[in-house]
Amino acid sequence: MAKRLTDVPRHFCGPYSQTESSHEIKTPALLETASGEGPTAVRARALNLLAWSRATEAGEALRRVLVHTSEDAALRSVAAIQLARLEGAASEKDLLPAAKRGGPLLLQIKVARALGMIGGPACIAELEKLAASENKCLARQAAFSRVLVAFRARQHGFEPKLPEYGQLEPAARRFFSLFAEPVSEEQIRSCESSRIDTYSTEPAWQDGLYVACGPRQFLVFLDARLLDCGIAASALQDPLLLGIVAQRPSLEAAFSTQWLLLSWPADRGRVQLAVYRPSGELAMQGFATGGGEKGRFVLTSRELNEQIAVRGVLAGRRFAAIESASVVSASSFAKRQKRIPDLLRNFGPGDLGENMQANDTVRQRY
């Protein structure tokens, strides 16, 4: 039976009208459209749908577009990302030559991102060259992809440099529990059917966490392989790509990967944590402490003049509590003429958990 466009997640095919959403996905027609001479937007949509359908001919169609220099740069960029999604690590043999050939800026950025999604250690040297680009967007994407590749291989020496903690405003003292619960079977099916970008991790679907913060909904999945071998011990020894965070803008939309969780060994028996957007932009940073079956973490972010702080507990394979703090702006501190101790600077093994109230829903469901 042919697939229908109503089954296709937005990050594969973009917005559709109601009329279009009733059409079935027909591989021969898509192949003809993708290889034809129609508008770039139409051909890009065909390539996206081919990748999602996993048709036998999809990989070859994507490769043809990627290697032809006469093709539009935007179309070749789509081919690079979808080839990584379709073939995973096997697509490195096509993406690495594309990175070496260079080309339009947009294509270079997307190829660098695709290599970050699936690439192995052989990609690091080429990503280092791209990271030296004068273009800030390309340099940031390539540098971050290099980090992802190295962290998947547990290679030291590629740890990113984070902002000094002294430059961050102290977070507020009062924390409140976020609504959080284990992911539902429906949410797991949604993620699997939409084929969210896993960045070569193996998400522990059944151990994932659903978090609701106002209208925003998030799913947090750690790598099952790390959970199986003991994530706390591994994080104290090697740099790791811990997992992914997916988000959906509305109940009708599909989840898509919006953040990546990284860690590497720090001082005082702590683990440095960082949350990045796929583009390489730093979203949050912090520390984790503890060992054995329970670990505690705290993360802060800064946007404009305000911060958000999140802290929680990872017990075994699952999160046991998630809390967030209100944020104090720089101007407020200046008016009050006093300072609150920096949460991150003074964070130690005993700083969390004394007054933390576990989310009742999580405690009951776990």
Protein backbone atom coordinates (compact mmCIF):
# COMPACT_ATOMS: atom_id res chain seq x y z
CA MET A 1 0.00 0.00 0.00
CA ALA A 2 1.35 3.43 -0.88
CA LYS A 3 2.18 5.78 1.96
CA ARG A 4 0.12 8.93 2.46
CA LEU A 5 1.40 12.45 2.98
CA THR A 6 -0.57 12.68 6.23
CA ASP A 7 1.97 10.25 7.71
CA VAL A 8 4.98 12.38 6.83
CA PRO A 9 6.57 14.58 9.54
CA ARG A 10 7.09 18.23 8.71
CA HIS A 11 10.89 18.15 8.90
CA PHE A 12 10.83 15.75 5.94
CA CYS A 13 8.34 17.47 3.68
CA GLY A 14 7.45 20.94 4.92
CA PRO A 15 3.92 22.36 5.13
CA TYR A 16 1.12 20.90 3.02
CA SER A 17 -2.32 22.06 2.10
CA GLN A 18 -5.30 19.86 2.91
CA THR A 19 -5.65 18.99 -0.74
CA GLU A 20 -2.05 17.86 -1.02
CA SER A 21 -2.20 15.90 2.24
CA SER A 22 -4.68 13.44 0.72
CA HIS A 23 -2.29 12.34 -2.02
CA GLU A 24 -0.44 9.06 -1.82
CA ILE A 25 3.35 8.87 -2.02
CA LYS A 26 4.17 7.24 -5.35
CA THR A 27 7.85 6.44 -5.80
CA PRO A 28 8.05 6.58 -9.65
CA ALA A 29 6.45 10.02 -9.71
CA LEU A 30 8.77 11.26 -6.96
CA LEU A 31 11.84 9.97 -8.78
CA GLU A 32 10.75 11.70 -11.96
CA THR A 33 10.11 14.97 -10.12
CA ALA A 34 13.40 14.82 -8.16
CA SER A 35 15.47 14.24 -11.31
CA GLY A 36 13.53 16.63 -13.52
CA GLU A 37 13.93 20.30 -14.28
CA GLY A 38 11.09 21.70 -12.23
CA PRO A 39 11.23 24.38 -9.52
CA THR A 40 13.78 23.80 -6.78
CA ALA A 41 11.14 23.80 -4.03
CA VAL A 42 9.14 21.07 -5.77
CA ARG A 43 12.20 18.90 -6.40
CA ALA A 44 13.38 19.41 -2.80
CA ARG A 45 10.00 18.22 -1.55
CA ALA A 46 10.28 15.13 -3.74
CA LEU A 47 13.74 14.35 -2.35
CA ASN A 48 12.46 14.75 1.20
CA LEU A 49 9.58 12.37 0.57
CA LEU A 50 11.85 9.82 -1.10
CA ALA A 51 14.11 9.81 1.94
CA TRP A 52 11.17 9.43 4.31
CA SER A 53 9.63 6.60 2.27
CA ARG A 54 12.97 4.74 2.25
CA ALA A 55 12.35 3.65 -1.31
CA THR A 56 15.06 1.44 -2.79
CA GLU A 57 15.96 4.07 -5.37
CA ALA A 58 16.03 6.97 -2.88
CA GLY A 59 19.72 6.76 -2.00
CA GLU A 60 20.88 6.85 -5.61
CA ALA A 61 18.57 9.77 -6.40
CA LEU A 62 20.00 11.76 -3.48
CA ARG A 63 23.57 10.95 -4.49
CA ARG A 64 23.01 12.13 -8.06
CA VAL A 65 21.78 15.50 -6.87
CA LEU A 66 24.56 15.88 -4.30
CA VAL A 67 27.46 15.27 -6.71
CA HIS A 68 26.20 17.30 -9.67
CA THR A 69 27.75 20.75 -9.38
CA SER A 70 25.26 22.14 -11.87
CA GLU A 71 22.39 21.54 -9.43
CA ASP A 72 21.04 24.35 -7.25
CA ALA A 73 22.96 24.68 -3.97
CA ALA A 74 19.75 24.54 -1.93
CA LEU A 75 18.74 21.28 -3.61
CA ARG A 76 22.17 19.73 -3.05
CA SER A 77 21.96 20.81 0.61
CA VAL A 78 18.65 18.97 0.98
CA ALA A 79 20.24 15.89 -0.60
CA ALA A 80 23.15 15.98 1.87
CA ILE A 81 20.94 16.07 4.97
CA GLN A 82 18.47 13.49 3.69
CA LEU A 83 21.25 11.15 2.61
CA ALA A 84 22.58 11.20 6.17
CA ARG A 85 19.08 10.48 7.49
CA LEU A 86 18.45 7.70 5.00
CA GLU A 87 21.72 5.77 5.03
CA GLY A 88 23.32 6.76 8.33
CA ALA A 89 27.04 5.99 8.60
CA ALA A 90 27.05 4.48 5.10
CA SER A 91 26.54 7.95 3.63
CA GLU A 92 29.93 9.13 4.90
CA LYS A 93 31.56 7.85 1.71
CA ASP A 94 29.47 10.35 -0.28
CA LEU A 95 29.46 13.25 2.17
CA LEU A 96 33.19 13.35 2.86
CA PRO A 97 34.14 13.88 -0.82
CA ALA A 98 31.48 16.59 -0.99
CA ALA A 99 33.12 18.33 1.96
CA LYS A 100 36.52 18.16 0.26
CA ARG A 101 35.18 19.58 -3.02
CA GLY A 102 33.82 22.67 -1.31
CA GLY A 103 31.21 24.63 -3.20
CA PRO A 104 28.54 27.19 -2.26
CA LEU A 105 28.44 28.27 1.38
CA LEU A 106 25.00 26.80 2.08
CA LEU A 107 26.09 23.42 0.77
CA GLN A 108 29.25 23.43 2.88
CA ILE A 109 27.26 24.20 6.03
CA LYS A 110 24.75 21.41 5.36
CA VAL A 111 27.45 18.88 4.49
CA ALA A 112 29.26 19.75 7.71
CA ARG A 113 26.02 19.26 9.64
CA ALA A 114 25.34 15.95 7.90
CA LEU A 115 28.81 14.69 8.82
CA GLY A 116 28.11 15.68 12.41
CA MET A 117 24.99 13.54 12.31
CA ILE A 118 26.64 10.32 11.12
CA GLY A 119 30.39 10.81 10.58
CA GLY A 120 33.24 8.77 12.04
CA PRO A 121 36.79 9.78 13.08
CA ALA A 122 37.90 9.89 9.43
CA CYS A 123 35.84 13.09 9.05
CA ILE A 124 37.63 15.06 11.75
CA ALA A 125 40.50 16.34 9.61
CA GLU A 126 38.17 17.69 6.92
CA LEU A 127 35.86 19.24 9.51
CA GLU A 128 38.86 20.99 11.06
CA LYS A 129 39.57 22.62 7.70
CA LEU A 130 35.99 23.81 7.41
CA ALA A 131 36.11 25.08 11.00
CA ALA A 132 38.90 27.44 9.96
CA SER A 133 36.56 29.22 7.54
CA GLU A 134 36.18 32.98 7.77
CA ASN A 135 32.42 32.54 7.63
CA LYS A 136 31.17 32.31 11.21
CA CYS A 137 28.19 30.07 10.46
CA LEU A 138 30.27 27.52 8.59
CA ALA A 139 33.07 27.65 11.15
CA ARG A 140 30.65 27.11 14.05
CA GLN A 141 28.80 24.25 12.35
CA ALA A 142 32.00 22.47 11.31
CA ALA A 143 33.60 22.92 14.74
CA PHE A 144 30.51 21.52 16.45
CA SER A 145 30.24 18.60 14.03
CA ARG A 146 33.88 17.81 14.77
CA VAL A 147 33.01 17.72 18.48
CA LEU A 148 30.07 15.39 17.85
CA VAL A 149 32.19 13.01 15.79
CA ALA A 150 34.94 12.97 18.43
CA PHE A 151 32.55 12.55 21.35
CA ARG A 152 30.80 9.60 19.69
CA ALA A 153 34.24 7.98 19.43
CA ARG A 154 35.09 9.05 23.03
CA GLN A 155 38.13 10.95 21.81
CA HIS A 156 39.67 13.48 24.19
CA GLY A 157 41.08 16.83 23.12
CA PHE A 158 37.99 18.16 21.34
CA GLU A 159 36.10 19.49 24.36
CA PRO A 160 34.46 22.85 23.50
CA LYS A 161 35.40 25.98 25.41
CA LEU A 162 32.46 27.32 27.38
CA PRO A 163 31.88 30.87 28.65
CA GLU A 164 33.38 31.72 32.04
CA TYR A 165 30.89 31.22 34.85
CA GLY A 166 31.73 34.61 36.22
CA GLN A 167 30.07 36.12 33.15
CA LEU A 168 26.75 34.46 33.95
CA GLU A 169 24.25 36.07 36.28
CA PRO A 170 23.34 34.05 39.40
CA ALA A 171 20.09 32.13 39.10
CA ALA A 172 17.22 32.66 41.50
CA ARG A 173 17.09 30.58 44.68
CA ARG A 174 13.56 29.25 44.38
CA PHE A 175 12.95 26.23 42.18
CA PHE A 176 9.61 24.76 41.14
CA SER A 177 8.78 21.32 39.79
CA LEU A 178 8.12 20.92 36.08
CA PHE A 179 5.44 18.59 34.83
CA ALA A 180 7.38 15.51 33.81
CA GLU A 181 6.56 11.87 33.28
CA PRO A 182 7.88 8.85 31.38
CA VAL A 183 7.23 8.98 27.65
CA SER A 184 4.06 7.28 26.49
CA GLU A 185 3.85 4.52 23.92
CA GLU A 186 2.12 6.96 21.59
CA GLN A 187 5.00 9.42 21.86
CA ILE A 188 7.51 6.66 21.20
CA ARG A 189 5.60 5.57 18.10
CA SER A 190 5.48 9.19 16.96
CA CYS A 191 9.26 9.53 17.26
CA GLU A 192 9.94 6.24 15.52
CA SER A 193 7.52 6.92 12.66
CA SER A 194 8.80 10.47 12.12
CA ARG A 195 12.38 9.17 12.27
CA ILE A 196 13.74 12.02 14.34
CA ASP A 197 17.45 12.69 13.96
CA THR A 198 19.32 10.54 16.51
CA TYR A 199 22.85 11.70 15.60
CA SER A 200 24.01 8.07 15.64
CA THR A 201 22.89 7.53 19.23
CA GLU A 202 20.59 4.66 20.14
CA PRO A 203 17.80 6.38 22.10
CA ALA A 204 16.49 4.47 25.11
CA TRP A 205 12.89 4.99 24.01
CA GLN A 206 11.28 3.26 26.96
CA ASP A 207 13.37 5.23 29.47
CA GLY A 208 12.72 8.64 27.93
CA LEU A 209 11.26 11.62 29.77
CA TYR A 210 8.36 13.84 28.68
CA VAL A 211 8.52 17.42 30.00
CA ALA A 212 5.85 20.09 29.56
CA CYS A 213 6.76 23.72 30.18
CA GLY A 214 3.79 25.92 29.29
CA PRO A 215 2.87 25.27 25.66
CA ARG A 216 6.25 23.69 24.90
CA GLN A 217 6.68 19.92 24.99
CA PHE A 218 9.99 18.09 25.15
CA LEU A 219 11.19 14.50 25.01
CA VAL A 220 14.58 13.62 26.48
CA PHE A 221 16.28 10.41 25.36
CA LEU A 222 19.66 9.21 26.60
CA ASP A 223 21.78 6.75 24.63
CA ALA A 224 20.78 3.21 25.60
CA ARG A 225 24.35 1.97 25.16
CA LEU A 226 25.61 4.41 27.79
CA LEU A 227 22.83 3.46 30.19
CA ASP A 228 23.63 -0.22 29.72
CA CYS A 229 27.31 0.19 30.57
CA GLY A 230 26.85 2.73 33.38
CA ILE A 231 26.49 6.32 32.28
CA ALA A 232 27.98 7.85 35.47
CA ALA A 233 31.26 5.93 35.28
CA SER A 234 31.60 6.57 31.55
CA ALA A 235 30.97 10.32 31.91
CA LEU A 236 33.75 10.62 34.50
CA GLN A 237 36.24 9.07 32.10
CA ASP A 238 35.42 10.11 28.54
CA PRO A 239 33.67 12.82 26.51
CA LEU A 240 30.22 11.59 25.49
CA LEU A 241 27.28 12.42 23.29
CA LEU A 242 24.69 11.60 25.95
CA GLY A 243 21.50 11.88 23.95
CA ILE A 244 18.96 14.10 22.26
CA VAL A 245 16.10 16.42 23.17
CA ALA A 246 13.14 16.55 20.80
CA GLN A 247 10.44 19.21 20.75
CA ARG A 248 7.18 19.79 18.91
CA PRO A 249 5.56 23.20 18.44
CA SER A 250 1.98 21.93 18.75
CA LEU A 251 -0.03 18.80 19.45
CA GLU A 252 -0.61 18.30 15.74
CA ALA A 253 3.06 18.54 14.78
CA ALA A 254 5.72 15.84 14.90
CA PHE A 255 8.64 15.85 17.31
CA SER A 256 12.02 16.82 15.88
CA THR A 257 15.49 16.94 17.43
CA GLN A 258 16.25 20.44 18.69
CA TRP A 259 19.09 19.94 21.17
CA LEU A 260 22.00 17.59 21.80
CA LEU A 261 23.34 16.63 25.24
CA LEU A 262 27.11 16.49 25.67
CA SER A 263 29.36 15.74 28.65
CA TRP A 264 33.05 15.50 29.46
CA PRO A 265 35.12 15.05 32.65
CA ALA A 266 35.64 18.15 34.78
CA ASP A 267 37.38 18.94 38.08
CA ARG A 268 36.38 18.07 41.66
CA GLY A 269 34.79 14.79 40.61
CA ARG A 270 32.24 16.59 38.46
CA VAL A 271 31.07 16.13 34.89
CA GLN A 272 30.76 19.14 32.60
CA LEU A 273 27.41 19.29 30.81
CA ALA A 274 26.45 21.28 27.73
CA VAL A 275 23.29 21.46 25.64
CA TYR A 276 23.72 22.55 22.03
CA ARG A 277 21.43 23.27 19.14
CA PRO A 278 22.26 21.25 16.00
CA SER A 279 23.75 24.42 14.47
CA GLY A 280 26.41 24.49 17.19
CA GLU A 281 24.88 27.26 19.29
CA LEU A 282 25.29 26.73 23.04
CA ALA A 283 21.89 26.61 24.76
CA MET A 284 22.70 25.53 28.34
CA GLN A 285 25.67 24.53 30.43
CA GLY A 286 26.30 23.12 33.88
CA PHE A 287 27.61 20.21 35.90
CA ALA A 288 26.63 16.76 37.10
CA THR A 289 27.82 15.01 40.24
CA GLY A 290 27.27 11.73 41.98
CA GLY A 291 27.93 8.13 41.15
CA GLY A 292 26.51 4.66 41.35
CA GLU A 293 22.78 4.59 40.72
CA LYS A 294 22.06 8.29 41.28
CA GLY A 295 23.45 11.45 39.76
CA ARG A 296 22.42 15.09 40.13
CA PHE A 297 22.76 17.84 37.56
CA VAL A 298 22.21 21.56 37.16
CA LEU A 299 22.06 23.55 33.92
CA THR A 300 21.68 27.26 33.22
CA SER A 301 20.99 29.24 30.07
CA ARG A 302 21.15 32.91 29.28
CA GLU A 303 19.04 34.80 26.79
CA LEU A 304 19.18 38.57 26.65
CA ASN A 305 19.31 39.75 30.29
CA GLU A 306 17.70 36.71 31.84
CA GLN A 307 18.58 33.16 32.75
CA ILE A 308 16.80 29.88 33.24
CA ALA A 309 18.14 27.23 35.58
CA VAL A 310 17.15 23.56 35.48
CA ARG A 311 18.23 20.88 37.92
CA GLY A 312 17.30 17.26 38.47
CA VAL A 313 18.21 13.74 39.47
CA LEU A 314 18.98 10.74 37.26
CA ALA A 315 18.23 7.56 39.21
CA GLY A 316 19.31 4.41 37.42
CA ARG A 317 18.10 4.69 33.84
CA ARG A 318 15.44 7.34 34.43
CA PHE A 319 14.99 10.88 35.67
CA ALA A 320 13.51 11.05 39.18
CA ALA A 321 12.93 14.81 39.42
CA ILE A 322 13.15 17.90 37.23
CA GLU A 323 12.95 21.46 38.58
CA SER A 324 13.37 24.92 37.10
CA ALA A 325 14.21 28.29 38.61
CA SER A 326 13.01 31.78 37.84
CA VAL A 327 15.67 34.07 36.52
CA VAL A 328 17.19 37.25 37.90
CA SER A 329 18.21 39.89 35.36
CA ALA A 330 21.39 41.93 35.47
CA SER A 331 19.46 45.16 35.97
CA SER A 332 17.67 43.73 39.01
CA PHE A 333 20.98 42.86 40.60
CA ALA A 334 22.29 46.37 40.02
CA LYS A 335 19.23 47.94 41.64
CA ARG A 336 19.33 45.68 44.65
CA GLN A 337 23.09 46.18 45.07
CA LYS A 338 23.60 42.68 46.29
CA ARG A 339 24.65 39.40 44.78
CA ILE A 340 23.27 35.91 45.14
CA PRO A 341 25.96 33.18 45.25
CA ASP A 342 26.58 31.80 41.80
CA LEU A 343 24.73 28.50 41.58
CA LEU A 344 27.21 26.94 39.20
CA ARG A 345 30.41 28.22 40.81
CA ASN A 346 29.50 26.76 44.18
CA PHE A 347 27.83 23.63 42.91
CA GLY A 348 29.11 20.52 44.63
CA PRO A 349 28.04 16.93 45.32
CA GLY A 350 25.83 17.91 48.26
CA ASP A 351 24.17 20.99 46.84
CA LEU A 352 21.16 19.24 45.33
CA GLY A 353 18.57 17.01 46.80
CA GLU A 354 18.30 18.41 50.33
CA ASN A 355 15.16 20.38 49.61
CA MET A 356 14.29 19.01 46.22
CA GLN A 357 10.73 17.81 45.97
CA ALA A 358 10.39 15.03 43.44
CA ASN A 359 7.69 15.51 40.88
CA ASP A 360 4.72 13.47 42.14
CA THR A 361 3.80 12.26 38.69
CA VAL A 362 7.30 11.01 38.00
CA ARG A 363 7.55 9.33 41.38
CA GLN A 364 4.25 7.52 40.90
CA ARG A 365 4.92 6.44 37.34
CA TYR A 366 8.47 5.26 38.06
